[in-house]
Amino acid sequence: MDMGAKVPDEHMIPIENLMNPRALDFHAETGFIYFADTTSYLIGRQKIDGTDRETILKDGIHNVEGIAVDWMGNNLYWTDDGPKKTISVARLQKAAQTRKTLIEGKMTHPRAIVVDPLNGWV
């Protein structure tokens, strides 16, 4: 969103019917907002105008605390503070079929995550 927009009605449509939203990121090129709901155990997305809402990951999602969109590689990274304590990645398209766990265990409470695809950092 352009915080300095001159048009007063330029705004994002709310992401409704979330029980306990925890994480959020935006993919500017596609206009999708990615979000996690820790009560519904899902990662979803919707366009900034409120259209095309869908759940992209549900199985094996527990307590997602952080989400980061890799806009260059079209990947989604997230932290999950569930029983296994994981950091995972999936393609933005077909996320359920491309999901991979990068790190499991050996973390106390994986929380926020950020990516810098220009330099190859997570």
N, C-alpha and C. Protein backbone atom coordinates (compact mmCIF):
# COMPACT_ATOMS: atom_id res chain seq x y z
N MET A 1 0.83 -1.18 0.00
CA MET A 1 0.00 0.00 0.00
C MET A 1 0.87 1.23 0.00
N ASP A 2 0.46 2.22 -0.71
CA ASP A 2 1.16 3.49 -0.73
C ASP A 2 0.63 4.32 0.44
N MET A 3 1.46 4.47 1.47
CA MET A 3 1.03 5.20 2.66
C MET A 3 0.82 6.68 2.39
N GLY A 4 1.43 7.20 1.32
CA GLY A 4 1.28 8.60 0.98
C GLY A 4 0.28 8.83 -0.14
N ALA A 5 -0.60 7.86 -0.39
CA ALA A 5 -1.55 7.97 -1.49
C ALA A 5 -2.46 9.17 -1.33
N LYS A 6 -2.72 9.83 -2.42
CA LYS A 6 -3.61 11.00 -2.42
C LYS A 6 -5.08 10.60 -2.51
N VAL A 7 -5.34 9.38 -2.99
CA VAL A 7 -6.71 8.91 -3.14
C VAL A 7 -7.17 8.34 -1.80
N PRO A 8 -8.21 8.92 -1.18
CA PRO A 8 -8.62 8.50 0.17
C PRO A 8 -9.20 7.10 0.24
N ASP A 9 -9.70 6.56 -0.88
CA ASP A 9 -10.32 5.24 -0.81
C ASP A 9 -9.36 4.11 -1.18
N GLU A 10 -8.07 4.41 -1.34
CA GLU A 10 -7.10 3.36 -1.62
C GLU A 10 -6.79 2.62 -0.31
N HIS A 11 -7.21 1.39 -0.24
CA HIS A 11 -6.99 0.61 0.96
C HIS A 11 -7.04 -0.87 0.65
N MET A 12 -6.61 -1.64 1.60
CA MET A 12 -6.62 -3.08 1.49
C MET A 12 -7.95 -3.61 2.03
N ILE A 13 -8.49 -4.62 1.38
CA ILE A 13 -9.68 -5.28 1.88
C ILE A 13 -9.26 -6.19 3.04
N PRO A 14 -9.93 -6.15 4.18
CA PRO A 14 -9.53 -6.97 5.33
C PRO A 14 -9.54 -8.47 5.00
N ILE A 15 -8.67 -9.19 5.66
CA ILE A 15 -8.68 -10.65 5.58
C ILE A 15 -9.61 -11.11 6.70
N GLU A 16 -10.79 -11.53 6.33
CA GLU A 16 -11.82 -11.82 7.32
C GLU A 16 -11.82 -13.28 7.74
N ASN A 17 -12.52 -13.54 8.85
CA ASN A 17 -12.76 -14.88 9.38
C ASN A 17 -11.49 -15.60 9.81
N LEU A 18 -10.52 -14.86 10.31
CA LEU A 18 -9.35 -15.47 10.89
C LEU A 18 -9.56 -15.53 12.40
N MET A 19 -9.16 -16.63 13.01
CA MET A 19 -9.34 -16.80 14.45
C MET A 19 -8.17 -16.21 15.24
N ASN A 20 -6.94 -16.50 14.80
CA ASN A 20 -5.75 -16.05 15.52
C ASN A 20 -4.62 -15.80 14.52
N PRO A 21 -4.73 -14.72 13.75
CA PRO A 21 -3.68 -14.45 12.75
C PRO A 21 -2.36 -14.11 13.42
N ARG A 22 -1.26 -14.66 12.89
CA ARG A 22 0.04 -14.45 13.50
C ARG A 22 1.08 -13.87 12.57
N ALA A 23 1.03 -14.21 11.30
CA ALA A 23 2.10 -13.82 10.39
C ALA A 23 1.50 -13.31 9.09
N LEU A 24 2.26 -12.41 8.43
CA LEU A 24 1.75 -11.76 7.23
C LEU A 24 2.93 -11.30 6.37
N ASP A 25 2.82 -11.49 5.07
CA ASP A 25 3.77 -10.91 4.13
C ASP A 25 3.04 -10.67 2.82
N PHE A 26 3.66 -9.88 1.95
CA PHE A 26 3.02 -9.42 0.72
C PHE A 26 3.95 -9.67 -0.46
N HIS A 27 3.38 -10.15 -1.55
CA HIS A 27 4.11 -10.33 -2.81
C HIS A 27 3.62 -9.24 -3.77
N ALA A 28 4.42 -8.21 -3.93
CA ALA A 28 4.00 -7.03 -4.69
C ALA A 28 3.69 -7.34 -6.15
N GLU A 29 4.47 -8.19 -6.78
CA GLU A 29 4.27 -8.48 -8.20
C GLU A 29 2.94 -9.16 -8.48
N THR A 30 2.53 -10.09 -7.61
CA THR A 30 1.27 -10.81 -7.82
C THR A 30 0.09 -10.18 -7.10
N GLY A 31 0.37 -9.32 -6.11
CA GLY A 31 -0.69 -8.69 -5.34
C GLY A 31 -1.29 -9.58 -4.27
N PHE A 32 -0.63 -10.68 -3.94
CA PHE A 32 -1.13 -11.59 -2.91
C PHE A 32 -0.57 -11.23 -1.54
N ILE A 33 -1.43 -11.31 -0.54
CA ILE A 33 -1.05 -11.21 0.86
C ILE A 33 -1.07 -12.64 1.40
N TYR A 34 0.02 -13.06 2.00
CA TYR A 34 0.13 -14.39 2.60
C TYR A 34 -0.04 -14.24 4.10
N PHE A 35 -0.79 -15.15 4.72
CA PHE A 35 -1.09 -15.03 6.14
C PHE A 35 -1.16 -16.41 6.79
N ALA A 36 -0.97 -16.43 8.11
CA ALA A 36 -1.09 -17.67 8.88
C ALA A 36 -2.10 -17.46 9.99
N ASP A 37 -2.88 -18.48 10.26
CA ASP A 37 -3.85 -18.48 11.35
C ASP A 37 -3.51 -19.67 12.25
N THR A 38 -3.08 -19.39 13.49
CA THR A 38 -2.63 -20.46 14.37
C THR A 38 -3.77 -21.25 15.02
N THR A 39 -4.97 -20.73 15.01
CA THR A 39 -6.10 -21.48 15.54
C THR A 39 -6.69 -22.40 14.48
N SER A 40 -6.73 -21.95 13.24
CA SER A 40 -7.25 -22.78 12.15
C SER A 40 -6.16 -23.66 11.53
N TYR A 41 -4.91 -23.48 11.98
CA TYR A 41 -3.78 -24.28 11.51
C TYR A 41 -3.67 -24.26 9.98
N LEU A 42 -3.49 -23.04 9.46
CA LEU A 42 -3.39 -22.91 8.01
C LEU A 42 -2.50 -21.74 7.62
N ILE A 43 -2.03 -21.82 6.38
CA ILE A 43 -1.40 -20.69 5.70
C ILE A 43 -2.26 -20.44 4.47
N GLY A 44 -2.66 -19.19 4.29
CA GLY A 44 -3.51 -18.85 3.16
C GLY A 44 -3.01 -17.62 2.44
N ARG A 45 -3.75 -17.23 1.43
CA ARG A 45 -3.43 -16.01 0.70
C ARG A 45 -4.71 -15.43 0.11
N GLN A 46 -4.65 -14.14 -0.15
CA GLN A 46 -5.72 -13.46 -0.90
C GLN A 46 -5.12 -12.23 -1.55
N LYS A 47 -5.76 -11.80 -2.63
CA LYS A 47 -5.33 -10.58 -3.31
C LYS A 47 -5.62 -9.38 -2.41
N ILE A 48 -4.90 -8.32 -2.61
CA ILE A 48 -5.08 -7.11 -1.80
C ILE A 48 -6.49 -6.54 -1.95
N ASP A 49 -7.15 -6.84 -3.09
CA ASP A 49 -8.51 -6.36 -3.29
C ASP A 49 -9.56 -7.29 -2.70
N GLY A 50 -9.11 -8.36 -2.00
CA GLY A 50 -10.03 -9.28 -1.34
C GLY A 50 -10.44 -10.48 -2.16
N THR A 51 -10.02 -10.57 -3.41
CA THR A 51 -10.39 -11.69 -4.28
C THR A 51 -9.37 -12.83 -4.16
N ASP A 52 -9.71 -13.94 -4.76
CA ASP A 52 -8.83 -15.11 -4.90
C ASP A 52 -8.30 -15.65 -3.58
N ARG A 53 -9.12 -15.61 -2.55
CA ARG A 53 -8.69 -16.15 -1.25
C ARG A 53 -8.66 -17.67 -1.31
N GLU A 54 -7.59 -18.25 -0.76
CA GLU A 54 -7.47 -19.70 -0.71
C GLU A 54 -6.51 -20.12 0.40
N THR A 55 -6.71 -21.33 0.89
CA THR A 55 -5.78 -21.96 1.81
C THR A 55 -4.74 -22.66 0.96
N ILE A 56 -3.46 -22.36 1.21
CA ILE A 56 -2.43 -23.02 0.41
C ILE A 56 -1.73 -24.14 1.16
N LEU A 57 -1.75 -24.10 2.50
CA LEU A 57 -1.17 -25.17 3.31
C LEU A 57 -2.04 -25.39 4.54
N LYS A 58 -2.34 -26.64 4.82
CA LYS A 58 -3.15 -26.98 5.99
C LYS A 58 -2.54 -28.17 6.73
N ASP A 59 -2.25 -29.25 6.04
CA ASP A 59 -1.72 -30.45 6.67
C ASP A 59 -0.35 -30.19 7.28
N GLY A 60 -0.19 -30.56 8.53
CA GLY A 60 1.11 -30.42 9.19
C GLY A 60 1.43 -29.02 9.67
N ILE A 61 0.49 -28.09 9.55
CA ILE A 61 0.70 -26.73 10.04
C ILE A 61 0.22 -26.69 11.50
N HIS A 62 1.06 -26.12 12.37
CA HIS A 62 0.69 -26.09 13.79
C HIS A 62 0.61 -24.66 14.31
N ASN A 63 1.75 -24.04 14.54
CA ASN A 63 1.80 -22.72 15.18
C ASN A 63 2.75 -21.82 14.40
N VAL A 64 2.33 -21.40 13.22
CA VAL A 64 3.17 -20.57 12.36
C VAL A 64 3.32 -19.19 12.98
N GLU A 65 4.56 -18.82 13.24
CA GLU A 65 4.88 -17.54 13.88
C GLU A 65 5.46 -16.52 12.91
N GLY A 66 6.00 -16.96 11.79
CA GLY A 66 6.60 -16.04 10.83
C GLY A 66 6.45 -16.55 9.41
N ILE A 67 6.29 -15.62 8.48
CA ILE A 67 6.18 -15.92 7.05
C ILE A 67 7.05 -14.92 6.30
N ALA A 68 7.73 -15.40 5.25
CA ALA A 68 8.51 -14.52 4.39
C ALA A 68 8.35 -14.97 2.95
N VAL A 69 7.99 -14.04 2.08
CA VAL A 69 7.86 -14.31 0.65
C VAL A 69 9.19 -14.01 -0.04
N ASP A 70 9.70 -14.99 -0.76
CA ASP A 70 10.87 -14.81 -1.62
C ASP A 70 10.32 -14.43 -2.99
N TRP A 71 10.34 -13.14 -3.30
CA TRP A 71 9.71 -12.64 -4.53
C TRP A 71 10.54 -12.96 -5.76
N MET A 72 11.80 -13.32 -5.61
CA MET A 72 12.62 -13.67 -6.77
C MET A 72 12.46 -15.14 -7.14
N GLY A 73 12.49 -16.01 -6.16
CA GLY A 73 12.38 -17.45 -6.40
C GLY A 73 10.96 -17.97 -6.33
N ASN A 74 10.01 -17.08 -5.97
CA ASN A 74 8.60 -17.46 -5.80
C ASN A 74 8.44 -18.61 -4.80
N ASN A 75 9.08 -18.43 -3.65
CA ASN A 75 8.99 -19.39 -2.56
C ASN A 75 8.39 -18.71 -1.33
N LEU A 76 7.83 -19.52 -0.45
CA LEU A 76 7.31 -19.04 0.83
C LEU A 76 8.06 -19.77 1.93
N TYR A 77 8.64 -19.03 2.85
CA TYR A 77 9.33 -19.58 4.02
C TYR A 77 8.48 -19.31 5.24
N TRP A 78 8.49 -20.24 6.20
CA TRP A 78 7.75 -20.00 7.43
C TRP A 78 8.39 -20.75 8.60
N THR A 79 8.13 -20.21 9.79
CA THR A 79 8.55 -20.87 11.02
C THR A 79 7.32 -21.48 11.67
N ASP A 80 7.51 -22.63 12.30
CA ASP A 80 6.40 -23.31 12.98
C ASP A 80 6.87 -23.72 14.37
N ASP A 81 6.25 -23.13 15.38
CA ASP A 81 6.59 -23.40 16.77
C ASP A 81 5.78 -24.57 17.33
N GLY A 82 5.35 -25.47 16.46
CA GLY A 82 4.62 -26.66 16.88
C GLY A 82 5.55 -27.67 17.51
N PRO A 83 5.10 -28.92 17.62
CA PRO A 83 5.88 -29.94 18.32
C PRO A 83 7.27 -30.19 17.74
N LYS A 84 7.43 -30.03 16.42
CA LYS A 84 8.71 -30.34 15.78
C LYS A 84 9.65 -29.15 15.66
N LYS A 85 9.16 -27.91 15.89
CA LYS A 85 9.99 -26.70 15.79
C LYS A 85 10.72 -26.66 14.44
N THR A 86 10.03 -26.18 13.41
CA THR A 86 10.58 -26.25 12.06
C THR A 86 10.67 -24.89 11.38
N ILE A 87 11.55 -24.85 10.39
CA ILE A 87 11.60 -23.78 9.38
C ILE A 87 11.44 -24.50 8.06
N SER A 88 10.45 -24.07 7.27
CA SER A 88 10.10 -24.78 6.05
C SER A 88 10.01 -23.82 4.87
N VAL A 89 9.94 -24.41 3.68
CA VAL A 89 9.80 -23.64 2.44
C VAL A 89 8.89 -24.40 1.50
N ALA A 90 8.18 -23.67 0.65
CA ALA A 90 7.36 -24.26 -0.41
C ALA A 90 7.27 -23.25 -1.55
N ARG A 91 7.00 -23.74 -2.73
CA ARG A 91 6.75 -22.86 -3.88
C ARG A 91 5.43 -22.14 -3.64
N LEU A 92 5.32 -20.92 -4.16
CA LEU A 92 4.07 -20.16 -4.01
C LEU A 92 2.93 -20.84 -4.76
N GLN A 93 3.25 -21.47 -5.87
CA GLN A 93 2.26 -22.26 -6.61
C GLN A 93 2.45 -23.72 -6.22
N LYS A 94 1.37 -24.41 -5.95
CA LYS A 94 1.41 -25.81 -5.55
C LYS A 94 2.20 -26.01 -4.26
N ALA A 95 1.95 -25.16 -3.28
CA ALA A 95 2.69 -25.19 -2.02
C ALA A 95 2.59 -26.55 -1.33
N ALA A 96 1.43 -27.16 -1.30
CA ALA A 96 1.27 -28.43 -0.60
C ALA A 96 2.10 -29.55 -1.22
N GLN A 97 2.33 -29.49 -2.52
CA GLN A 97 3.10 -30.53 -3.20
C GLN A 97 4.61 -30.28 -3.18
N THR A 98 5.03 -29.05 -2.86
CA THR A 98 6.46 -28.70 -2.95
C THR A 98 7.08 -28.38 -1.60
N ARG A 99 6.37 -28.62 -0.57
CA ARG A 99 6.81 -28.28 0.79
C ARG A 99 8.04 -29.08 1.21
N LYS A 100 9.01 -28.39 1.83
CA LYS A 100 10.23 -29.03 2.34
C LYS A 100 10.55 -28.44 3.71
N THR A 101 10.97 -29.29 4.64
CA THR A 101 11.45 -28.82 5.93
C THR A 101 12.94 -28.57 5.82
N LEU A 102 13.37 -27.36 6.15
CA LEU A 102 14.78 -26.99 6.07
C LEU A 102 15.52 -27.29 7.38
N ILE A 103 14.88 -26.97 8.50
CA ILE A 103 15.47 -27.17 9.82
C ILE A 103 14.38 -27.73 10.72
N GLU A 104 14.73 -28.74 11.51
CA GLU A 104 13.77 -29.32 12.45
C GLU A 104 14.45 -29.51 13.80
N GLY A 105 13.74 -29.08 14.87
CA GLY A 105 14.26 -29.22 16.22
C GLY A 105 15.40 -28.26 16.48
N LYS A 106 16.07 -28.44 17.61
CA LYS A 106 17.23 -27.64 17.99
C LYS A 106 16.94 -26.15 18.03
N MET A 107 15.67 -25.77 18.17
CA MET A 107 15.28 -24.37 18.32
C MET A 107 14.29 -24.30 19.47
N THR A 108 14.34 -23.22 20.23
CA THR A 108 13.43 -23.08 21.35
C THR A 108 12.06 -22.60 20.88
N HIS A 109 12.00 -21.44 20.23
CA HIS A 109 10.75 -20.89 19.72
C HIS A 109 11.03 -20.18 18.40
N PRO A 110 10.99 -20.90 17.28
CA PRO A 110 11.20 -20.21 15.99
C PRO A 110 10.08 -19.20 15.75
N ARG A 111 10.45 -17.96 15.57
CA ARG A 111 9.46 -16.88 15.44
C ARG A 111 9.52 -16.24 14.06
N ALA A 112 9.93 -15.00 14.02
CA ALA A 112 9.93 -14.23 12.77
C ALA A 112 10.99 -14.76 11.81
N ILE A 113 10.74 -14.54 10.52
CA ILE A 113 11.68 -14.94 9.49
C ILE A 113 11.64 -13.88 8.39
N VAL A 114 12.78 -13.66 7.76
CA VAL A 114 12.88 -12.71 6.67
C VAL A 114 13.82 -13.29 5.62
N VAL A 115 13.61 -12.94 4.37
CA VAL A 115 14.49 -13.40 3.30
C VAL A 115 15.11 -12.21 2.59
N ASP A 116 16.32 -12.42 2.10
CA ASP A 116 17.02 -11.46 1.25
C ASP A 116 17.48 -12.22 0.03
N PRO A 117 16.59 -12.41 -0.96
CA PRO A 117 16.94 -13.25 -2.11
C PRO A 117 18.05 -12.67 -2.97
N LEU A 118 18.26 -11.36 -2.93
CA LEU A 118 19.36 -10.78 -3.70
C LEU A 118 20.72 -11.27 -3.22
N ASN A 119 20.82 -11.52 -1.92
CA ASN A 119 22.08 -11.99 -1.34
C ASN A 119 22.03 -13.45 -0.89
N GLY A 120 20.88 -14.11 -1.08
CA GLY A 120 20.77 -15.52 -0.75
C GLY A 120 20.68 -15.81 0.74
N TRP A 121 20.09 -14.89 1.50
CA TRP A 121 19.99 -15.06 2.95
C TRP A 121 18.56 -15.35 3.39
N VAL A 122 18.45 -16.18 4.43
CA VAL A 122 17.19 -16.41 5.13
C VAL A 122 17.47 -16.11 6.58
